PDB file of N, CA and C in Angstrom:
ATOM      1  N   MET A   1     -10.035   1.947  13.785  1.00  0.00           N
ATOM      2  CA  MET A   1      -9.968   2.815  13.455  1.00  0.00           C
ATOM      3  C   MET A   1      -8.934   4.117  12.981  1.00  0.00           C
ATOM      4  N   LEU A   2      -8.918   5.151  12.442  1.00  0.00           N
ATOM      5  CA  LEU A   2      -7.501   5.958  11.899  1.00  0.00           C
ATOM      6  C   LEU A   2      -7.642   6.728  12.633  1.00  0.00           C
ATOM      7  N   GLY A   3      -5.832   7.202  12.929  1.00  0.00           N
ATOM      8  CA  GLY A   3      -5.889   8.315  13.957  1.00  0.00           C
ATOM      9  C   GLY A   3      -4.947   7.717  15.405  1.00  0.00           C
ATOM     10  N   ALA A   4      -4.984   6.585  15.776  1.00  0.00           N
ATOM     11  CA  ALA A   4      -5.224   5.305  16.737  1.00  0.00           C
ATOM     12  C   ALA A   4      -3.693   4.169  16.331  1.00  0.00           C
ATOM     13  N   ARG A   5      -3.364   3.652  17.664  1.00  0.00           N
ATOM     14  CA  ARG A   5      -2.775   2.395  17.957  1.00  0.00           C
ATOM     15  C   ARG A   5      -3.567   1.643  17.772  1.00  0.00           C
ATOM     16  N   ASN A   6      -4.095   0.425  17.065  1.00  0.00           N
ATOM     17  CA  ASN A   6      -4.684  -0.555  17.641  1.00  0.00           C
ATOM     18  C   ASN A   6      -4.376  -1.788  17.657  1.00  0.00           C
ATOM     19  N   GLY A   7      -4.680  -2.291  19.182  1.00  0.00           N
ATOM     20  CA  GLY A   7      -4.297  -3.330  20.224  1.00  0.00           C
ATOM     21  C   GLY A   7      -5.169  -4.648  19.772  1.00  0.00           C
ATOM     22  N   GLU A   8      -4.632  -5.019  20.076  1.00  0.00           N
ATOM     23  CA  GLU A   8      -5.546  -6.473  21.088  1.00  0.00           C
ATOM     24  C   GLU A   8      -6.750  -6.063  21.446  1.00  0.00           C
ATOM     25  N   GLN A   9      -6.885  -5.219  22.015  1.00  0.00           N
ATOM     26  CA  GLN A   9      -7.326  -4.091  23.483  1.00  0.00           C
ATOM     27  C   GLN A   9      -8.631  -3.688  23.002  1.00  0.00           C
ATOM     28  N   GLY A  10      -8.174  -2.829  21.465  1.00  0.00           N
ATOM     29  CA  GLY A  10      -8.791  -2.109  20.961  1.00  0.00           C
ATOM     30  C   GLY A  10      -8.304  -0.619  20.988  1.00  0.00           C
ATOM     31  N   ALA A  11      -8.850  -0.247  20.526  1.00  0.00           N
ATOM     32  CA  ALA A  11      -7.174   1.083  20.489  1.00  0.00           C
ATOM     33  C   ALA A  11      -7.468   2.168  21.509  1.00  0.00           C
ATOM     34  N   ASP A  12      -5.862   2.463  21.257  1.00  0.00           N
ATOM     35  CA  ASP A  12      -5.498   3.265  22.500  1.00  0.00           C
ATOM     36  C   ASP A  12      -4.552   4.852  21.581  1.00  0.00           C
ATOM     37  N   SER A  13      -3.599   5.625  22.653  1.00  0.00           N
ATOM     38  CA  SER A  13      -2.012   5.743  22.451  1.00  0.00           C
ATOM     39  C   SER A  13      -3.035   6.629  20.922  1.00  0.00           C
ATOM     40  N   PHE A  14      -4.296   7.733  20.987  1.00  0.00           N
ATOM     41  CA  PHE A  14      -5.017   8.179  20.127  1.00  0.00           C
ATOM     42  C   PHE A  14      -3.422   9.749  19.441  1.00  0.00           C
ATOM     43  N   ILE A  15      -3.672  10.529  18.230  1.00  0.00           N
ATOM     44  CA  ILE A  15      -3.047  11.086  17.579  1.00  0.00           C
ATOM     45  C   ILE A  15      -3.511  12.495  17.753  1.00  0.00           C
ATOM     46  N   ASN A  16      -3.044  13.590  17.865  1.00  0.00           N
ATOM     47  CA  ASN A  16      -3.907  15.020  17.801  1.00  0.00           C
ATOM     48  C   ASN A  16      -3.704  15.731  16.792  1.00  0.00           C
ATOM     49  N   GLY A  17      -4.531  15.191  15.977  1.00  0.00           N
ATOM     50  CA  GLY A  17      -3.860  15.925  14.523  1.00  0.00           C
ATOM     51  C   GLY A  17      -4.512  15.740  13.781  1.00  0.00           C
ATOM     52  N   GLN A  18      -4.444  15.363  12.164  1.00  0.00           N
ATOM     53  CA  GLN A  18      -5.023  16.476  10.696  1.00  0.00           C
ATOM     54  C   GLN A  18      -4.838  15.579  10.011  1.00  0.00           C
ATOM     55  N   VAL A  19      -5.654  14.289   9.613  1.00  0.00           N
ATOM     56  CA  VAL A  19      -5.572  13.254   8.774  1.00  0.00           C
ATOM     57  C   VAL A  19      -6.090  13.895   7.414  1.00  0.00           C
ATOM     58  N   ASP A  20      -5.726  14.117   6.493  1.00  0.00           N
ATOM     59  CA  ASP A  20      -5.875  14.583   5.359  1.00  0.00           C
ATOM     60  C   ASP A  20      -6.596  13.633   4.223  1.00  0.00           C
ATOM     61  N   ASP A  21      -5.046  12.532   3.738  1.00  0.00           N
ATOM     62  CA  ASP A  21      -6.185  11.511   2.961  1.00  0.00           C
ATOM     63  C   ASP A  21      -5.551  10.357   3.796  1.00  0.00           C
ATOM     64  N   VAL A  22      -6.496   8.538   3.788  1.00  0.00           N
ATOM     65  CA  VAL A  22      -6.063   7.477   3.652  1.00  0.00           C
ATOM     66  C   VAL A  22      -6.347   7.090   1.626  1.00  0.00           C
ATOM     67  N   GLN A  23      -4.845   5.645   2.235  1.00  0.00           N
ATOM     68  CA  GLN A  23      -4.742   4.966   1.399  1.00  0.00           C
ATOM     69  C   GLN A  23      -5.048   3.794   1.911  1.00  0.00           C
ATOM     70  N   VAL A  24      -6.399   2.832   1.080  1.00  0.00           N
ATOM     71  CA  VAL A  24      -5.479   1.313   2.037  1.00  0.00           C
ATOM     72  C   VAL A  24      -5.640   0.953   1.030  1.00  0.00           C
ATOM     73  N   TRP A  25      -4.776  -0.389   0.459  1.00  0.00           N
ATOM     74  CA  TRP A  25      -4.365  -1.585  -0.417  1.00  0.00           C
ATOM     75  C   TRP A  25      -4.068  -2.536  -0.085  1.00  0.00           C
ATOM     76  N   GLY A  26      -4.611  -3.323  -0.806  1.00  0.00           N
ATOM     77  CA  GLY A  26      -4.587  -4.788  -1.161  1.00  0.00           C
ATOM     78  C   GLY A  26      -3.060  -5.308  -1.078  1.00  0.00           C
ATOM     79  N   ARG A  27      -1.791  -5.426  -1.068  1.00  0.00           N
ATOM     80  CA  ARG A  27      -0.543  -5.056  -0.981  1.00  0.00           C
ATOM     81  C   ARG A  27      -0.077  -4.116  -0.270  1.00  0.00           C
ATOM     82  N   ALA A  28       1.202  -4.837  -0.146  1.00  0.00           N
ATOM     83  CA  ALA A  28       1.954  -3.117   0.561  1.00  0.00           C
ATOM     84  C   ALA A  28       3.777  -2.613  -0.799  1.00  0.00           C
ATOM     85  N   LEU A  29       3.227  -1.538  -0.602  1.00  0.00           N
ATOM     86  CA  LEU A  29       3.753  -0.663  -1.531  1.00  0.00           C
ATOM     87  C   LEU A  29       5.158  -0.345  -1.049  1.00  0.00           C
ATOM     88  N   SER A  30       5.915   0.068  -2.437  1.00  0.00           N
ATOM     89  CA  SER A  30       7.779   0.120  -2.399  1.00  0.00           C
ATOM     90  C   SER A  30       7.812   1.262  -1.472  1.00  0.00           C
ATOM     91  N   GLY A  31       8.546   1.785  -0.832  1.00  0.00           N
ATOM     92  CA  GLY A  31       9.798   3.050  -0.810  1.00  0.00           C
ATOM     93  C   GLY A  31       9.233   4.183  -2.037  1.00  0.00           C
ATOM     94  N   SER A  32       9.413   4.018  -3.134  1.00  0.00           N
ATOM     95  CA  SER A  32       9.630   4.978  -4.155  1.00  0.00           C
ATOM     96  C   SER A  32       7.595   4.648  -4.221  1.00  0.00           C
ATOM     97  N   GLU A  33       6.736   4.085  -4.471  1.00  0.00           N
ATOM     98  CA  GLU A  33       5.286   4.213  -4.484  1.00  0.00           C
ATOM     99  C   GLU A  33       5.157   4.837  -3.295  1.00  0.00           C
ATOM    100  N   VAL A  34       5.050   4.768  -2.305  1.00  0.00           N
ATOM    101  CA  VAL A  34       4.846   5.560  -0.941  1.00  0.00           C
ATOM    102  C   VAL A  34       5.106   7.160  -1.705  1.00  0.00           C
ATOM    103  N   GLN A  35       6.221   7.405  -1.404  1.00  0.00           N
ATOM    104  CA  GLN A  35       6.694   8.676  -1.470  1.00  0.00           C
ATOM    105  C   GLN A  35       6.065   9.336  -3.608  1.00  0.00           C
ATOM    106  N   GLY A  36       5.269   8.528  -4.769  1.00  0.00           N
ATOM    107  CA  GLY A  36       4.411   8.899  -5.603  1.00  0.00           C
ATOM    108  C   GLY A  36       3.342   9.486  -4.851  1.00  0.00           C
ATOM    109  N   TYR A  37       2.647   8.102  -4.392  1.00  0.00           N
ATOM    110  CA  TYR A  37       0.870   8.454  -3.945  1.00  0.00           C
ATOM    111  C   TYR A  37       0.683   9.401  -3.120  1.00  0.00           C
ATOM    112  N   MET A  38       2.202  10.163  -2.521  1.00  0.00           N
ATOM    113  CA  MET A  38       2.149  11.145  -1.649  1.00  0.00           C
ATOM    114  C   MET A  38       1.676  12.682  -2.327  1.00  0.00           C
ATOM    115  N   LEU A  39       2.480  12.497  -4.031  1.00  0.00           N
ATOM    116  CA  LEU A  39       2.477  13.341  -4.652  1.00  0.00           C
ATOM    117  C   LEU A  39       1.096  12.879  -5.661  1.00  0.00           C
ATOM    118  N   THR A  40       1.021  12.403  -6.588  1.00  0.00           N
ATOM    119  CA  THR A  40      -0.478  11.743  -6.817  1.00  0.00           C
ATOM    120  C   THR A  40      -0.373  11.190  -6.413  1.00  0.00           C
ATOM    121  N   PRO A  41      -2.332  10.942  -5.717  1.00  0.00           N
ATOM    122  CA  PRO A  41      -3.007  10.380  -5.383  1.00  0.00           C
ATOM    123  C   PRO A  41      -3.605   9.321  -6.241  1.00  0.00           C
ATOM    124  N   PRO A  42      -3.974   8.134  -5.520  1.00  0.00           N
ATOM    125  CA  PRO A  42      -4.051   7.234  -7.016  1.00  0.00           C
ATOM    126  C   PRO A  42      -5.424   7.332  -7.228  1.00  0.00           C
ATOM    127  N   VAL A  43      -6.135   6.752  -8.213  1.00  0.00           N
ATOM    128  CA  VAL A  43      -7.972   7.051  -9.125  1.00  0.00           C
ATOM    129  C   VAL A  43      -7.806   4.978  -9.210  1.00  0.00           C
ATOM    130  N   ALA A  44      -8.837   5.717  -8.584  1.00  0.00           N
ATOM    131  CA  ALA A  44     -10.500   4.724  -8.857  1.00  0.00           C
ATOM    132  C   ALA A  44      -9.522   3.403 -10.111  1.00  0.00           C
ATOM    133  N   GLY A  45     -10.162   2.102  -9.796  1.00  0.00           N
ATOM    134  CA  GLY A  45      -9.326   1.239 -10.476  1.00  0.00           C
ATOM    135  C   GLY A  45      -8.058   0.610 -10.714  1.00  0.00           C
ATOM    136  N   GLU A  46      -6.990   1.654  -9.884  1.00  0.00           N
ATOM    137  CA  GLU A  46      -5.837   0.733  -9.926  1.00  0.00           C
ATOM    138  C   GLU A  46      -5.587  -0.091  -9.635  1.00  0.00           C
ATOM    139  N   ALA A  47      -4.422  -1.999  -9.873  1.00  0.00           N
ATOM    140  CA  ALA A  47      -4.878  -2.627  -9.395  1.00  0.00           C
ATOM    141  C   ALA A  47      -4.045  -2.282  -7.664  1.00  0.00           C
ATOM    142  N   ASP A  48      -4.579  -3.547  -7.086  1.00  0.00           N
ATOM    143  CA  ASP A  48      -4.242  -2.932  -5.890  1.00  0.00           C
ATOM    144  C   ASP A  48      -5.340  -2.587  -4.694  1.00  0.00           C
ATOM    145  N   LEU A  49      -5.610  -1.331  -5.029  1.00  0.00           N
ATOM    146  CA  LEU A  49      -6.280  -0.067  -4.257  1.00  0.00           C
ATOM    147  C   LEU A  49      -8.442  -0.531  -3.703  1.00  0.00           C
ATOM    148  N   LEU A  50      -7.784  -0.839  -2.340  1.00  0.00           N
ATOM    149  CA  LEU A  50      -9.176  -1.660  -1.826  1.00  0.00           C
ATOM    150  C   LEU A  50     -10.028  -0.002  -1.315  1.00  0.00           C
ATOM    151  N   ALA A  51      -9.310   1.608  -1.279  1.00  0.00           N
ATOM    152  CA  ALA A  51     -10.056   2.517  -0.627  1.00  0.00           C
ATOM    153  C   ALA A  51      -8.965   3.610  -0.481  1.00  0.00           C
ATOM    154  N   TYR A  52      -9.574   4.347  -1.492  1.00  0.00           N
ATOM    155  CA  TYR A  52      -8.605   6.197  -1.202  1.00  0.00           C
ATOM    156  C   TYR A  52      -9.976   6.799  -0.428  1.00  0.00           C
ATOM    157  N   TYR A  53      -9.595   7.306   0.542  1.00  0.00           N
ATOM    158  CA  TYR A  53     -10.526   8.726   1.564  1.00  0.00           C
ATOM    159  C   TYR A  53      -9.661   9.879   0.854  1.00  0.00           C
ATOM    160  N   ASP A  54     -10.047  10.952   0.590  1.00  0.00           N
ATOM    161  CA  ASP A  54      -9.451  12.624   0.766  1.00  0.00           C
ATOM    162  C   ASP A  54      -9.965  13.271   1.459  1.00  0.00           C
ATOM    163  N   PHE A  55     -11.225  13.284   1.804  1.00  0.00           N
ATOM    164  CA  PHE A  55     -12.366  14.504   2.803  1.00  0.00           C
ATOM    165  C   PHE A  55     -12.679  15.037   1.933  1.00  0.00           C
ATOM    166  N   SER A  56     -12.608  14.810   0.661  1.00  0.00           N
ATOM    167  CA  SER A  56     -13.638  16.712   0.025  1.00  0.00           C
ATOM    168  C   SER A  56     -14.723  16.030  -0.274  1.00  0.00           C
ATOM    169  N   ARG A  57     -15.418  14.899  -0.202  1.00  0.00           N
ATOM    170  CA  ARG A  57     -16.156  15.019  -0.145  1.00  0.00           C
ATOM    171  C   ARG A  57     -17.463  13.619   0.231  1.00  0.00           C
ATOM    172  N   ALA A  58     -18.042  14.349   0.364  1.00  0.00           N
ATOM    173  CA  ALA A  58     -19.253  13.658   1.958  1.00  0.00           C
ATOM    174  C   ALA A  58     -20.467  13.698   1.977  1.00  0.00           C
ATOM    175  N   LYS A  59     -21.070  13.287   2.528  1.00  0.00           N
ATOM    176  CA  LYS A  59     -22.553  13.532   2.771  1.00  0.00           C
ATOM    177  C   LYS A  59     -23.156  13.213   3.930  1.00  0.00           C
ATOM    178  N   GLY A  60     -23.343  14.790   4.562  1.00  0.00           N
ATOM    179  CA  GLY A  60     -23.195  14.428   6.374  1.00  0.00           C
ATOM    180  C   GLY A  60     -21.745  13.790   6.693  1.00  0.00           C
ATOM    181  N   ARG A  61     -22.280  12.599   7.194  1.00  0.00           N
ATOM    182  CA  ARG A  61     -20.775  12.207   7.973  1.00  0.00           C
ATOM    183  C   ARG A  61     -20.246  11.407   7.427  1.00  0.00           C
ATOM    184  N   TRP A  62     -20.832  10.644   6.562  1.00  0.00           N
ATOM    185  CA  TRP A  62     -20.585  10.055   5.763  1.00  0.00           C
ATOM    186  C   TRP A  62     -19.662  10.050   3.940  1.00  0.00           C
ATOM    187  N   VAL A  63     -18.347   9.497   4.340  1.00  0.00           N
ATOM    188  CA  VAL A  63     -17.395   9.900   3.610  1.00  0.00           C
ATOM    189  C   VAL A  63     -16.814   9.408   2.159  1.00  0.00           C
ATOM    190  N   GLU A  64     -16.877  10.134   1.392  1.00  0.00           N
ATOM    191  CA  GLU A  64     -17.263   8.517  -0.022  1.00  0.00           C
ATOM    192  C   GLU A  64     -15.042   7.719   0.126  1.00  0.00           C
ATOM    193  N   ASN A  65     -15.371   6.955  -0.781  1.00  0.00           N
ATOM    194  CA  ASN A  65     -14.310   6.333  -1.238  1.00  0.00           C
ATOM    195  C   ASN A  65     -14.312   6.143  -3.016  1.00  0.00           C
ATOM    196  N   VAL A  66     -13.246   6.120  -3.091  1.00  0.00           N
ATOM    197  CA  VAL A  66     -12.527   7.135  -4.757  1.00  0.00           C
ATOM    198  C   VAL A  66     -12.480   5.783  -5.003  1.00  0.00           C
ATOM    199  N   ALA A  67     -12.042   4.952  -4.195  1.00  0.00           N
ATOM    200  CA  ALA A  67     -11.826   3.587  -5.332  1.00  0.00           C
ATOM    201  C   ALA A  67     -12.862   3.036  -5.955  1.00  0.00           C
ATOM    202  N   THR A  68     -14.451   3.184  -4.473  1.00  0.00           N
ATOM    203  CA  THR A  68     -15.637   2.590  -5.718  1.00  0.00           C
ATOM    204  C   THR A  68     -16.476   3.076  -5.428  1.00  0.00           C
ATOM    205  N   GLY A  69     -16.470   4.475  -5.240  1.00  0.00           N
ATOM    206  CA  GLY A  69     -17.712   5.579  -5.649  1.00  0.00           C
ATOM    207  C   GLY A  69     -18.606   5.152  -4.849  1.00  0.00           C
ATOM    208  N   GLU A  70     -18.626   4.454  -3.157  1.00  0.00           N
ATOM    209  CA  GLU A  70     -19.618   4.504  -2.125  1.00  0.00           C
ATOM    210  C   GLU A  70     -18.928   5.200  -1.563  1.00  0.00           C
ATOM    211  N   PHE A  71     -19.814   5.815  -0.365  1.00  0.00           N
ATOM    212  CA  PHE A  71     -19.550   6.790   0.845  1.00  0.00           C
ATOM    213  C   PHE A  71     -19.900   5.661   1.466  1.00  0.00           C
ATOM    214  N   ASP A  72     -18.541   4.827   2.320  1.00  0.00           N
ATOM    215  CA  ASP A  72     -18.653   3.939   3.637  1.00  0.00           C
ATOM    216  C   ASP A  72     -18.063   4.111   4.609  1.00  0.00           C
ATOM    217  N   ALA A  73     -17.578   5.945   4.292  1.00  0.00           N
ATOM    218  CA  ALA A  73     -16.518   5.671   5.729  1.00  0.00           C
ATOM    219  C   ALA A  73     -17.756   6.973   6.413  1.00  0.00           C
ATOM    220  N   LEU A  74     -17.591   6.219   8.186  1.00  0.00           N
ATOM    221  CA  LEU A  74     -18.297   7.189   9.118  1.00  0.00           C
ATOM    222  C   LEU A  74     -17.749   7.870   9.977  1.00  0.00           C
ATOM    223  N   LEU A  75     -17.688   9.126   9.908  1.00  0.00           N
ATOM    224  CA  LEU A  75     -17.320   9.963  10.374  1.00  0.00           C
ATOM    225  C   LEU A  75     -17.730   9.286  12.646  1.00  0.00           C
ATOM    226  N   SER A  76     -17.860   9.727  13.129  1.00  0.00           N
ATOM    227  CA  SER A  76     -17.315   9.349  14.376  1.00  0.00           C
ATOM    228  C   SER A  76     -18.522  10.303  15.197  1.00  0.00           C
ATOM    229  N   ALA A  77     -17.568  11.690  14.789  1.00  0.00           N
ATOM    230  CA  ALA A  77     -19.026  13.067  15.452  1.00  0.00           C
ATOM    231  C   ALA A  77     -18.974  13.847  14.319  1.00  0.00           C
ATOM    232  N   ASN A  78     -19.857  15.008  14.630  1.00  0.00           N
ATOM    233  CA  ASN A  78     -20.667  16.123  12.968  1.00  0.00           C
ATOM    234  C   ASN A  78     -19.396  17.010  13.776  1.00  0.00           C
ATOM    235  N   ASN A  79     -18.886  17.600  12.562  1.00  0.00           N
ATOM    236  CA  ASN A  79     -18.186  18.747  12.605  1.00  0.00           C
ATOM    237  C   ASN A  79     -16.683  18.046  12.345  1.00  0.00           C
ATOM    238  N   LEU A  80     -16.269  16.942  12.134  1.00  0.00           N
ATOM    239  CA  LEU A  80     -15.079  17.003  12.086  1.00  0.00           C
ATOM    240  C   LEU A  80     -14.454  17.462  11.353  1.00  0.00           C
ATOM    241  N   LEU A  81     -15.139  17.038   9.807  1.00  0.00           N
ATOM    242  CA  LEU A  81     -14.389  17.111   8.481  1.00  0.00           C
ATOM    243  C   LEU A  81     -13.968  19.519   8.547  1.00  0.00           C
ATOM    244  N   LYS A  82     -13.141  19.835   7.987  1.00  0.00           N
ATOM    245  CA  LYS A  82     -12.404  21.265   7.787  1.00  0.00           C
ATOM    246  C   LYS A  82     -12.603  21.895   6.507  1.00  0.00           C
ATOM    247  N   THR A  83     -12.811  23.009   5.236  1.00  0.00           N
ATOM    248  CA  THR A  83     -12.539  23.215   4.339  1.00  0.00           C
ATOM    249  C   THR A  83     -10.957  23.258   4.640  1.00  0.00           C
ATOM    250  N   LYS A  84     -10.261  23.491   3.564  1.00  0.00           N
ATOM    251  CA  LYS A  84      -9.278  24.021   3.220  1.00  0.00           C
ATOM    252  C   LYS A  84      -8.884  25.319   3.267  1.00  0.00           C
ATOM    253  N   MET A  85      -7.297  26.186   4.120  1.00  0.00           N
ATOM    254  CA  MET A  85      -8.239  27.490   3.382  1.00  0.00           C
ATOM    255  C   MET A  85      -6.687  27.983   2.402  1.00  0.00           C
ATOM    256  N   ASN A  86      -6.887  28.392   2.152  1.00  0.00           N
ATOM    257  CA  ASN A  86      -5.730  29.060   0.756  1.00  0.00           C
ATOM    258  C   ASN A  86      -4.798  30.131   1.484  1.00  0.00           C
TER     259      ASN A  86
END
């Protein structure tokens, strides 16, 4: 579960905020890699990138995983996605 502290008993300490993207890697990133990916997001095919969700592409409650091209992240409720305001 994203946006919460996850422990043996499940999720608790939920965050009251907005998530703008989520990256899942198959290895630990260095500090400079983390900073770099904050400025320039990863693209499909990058080594060890398991999942990347920027929440800009969704089908109903399903969000696209840019790394795989699959819509495999299910939002917990309707109306959770908001458009970016200029």
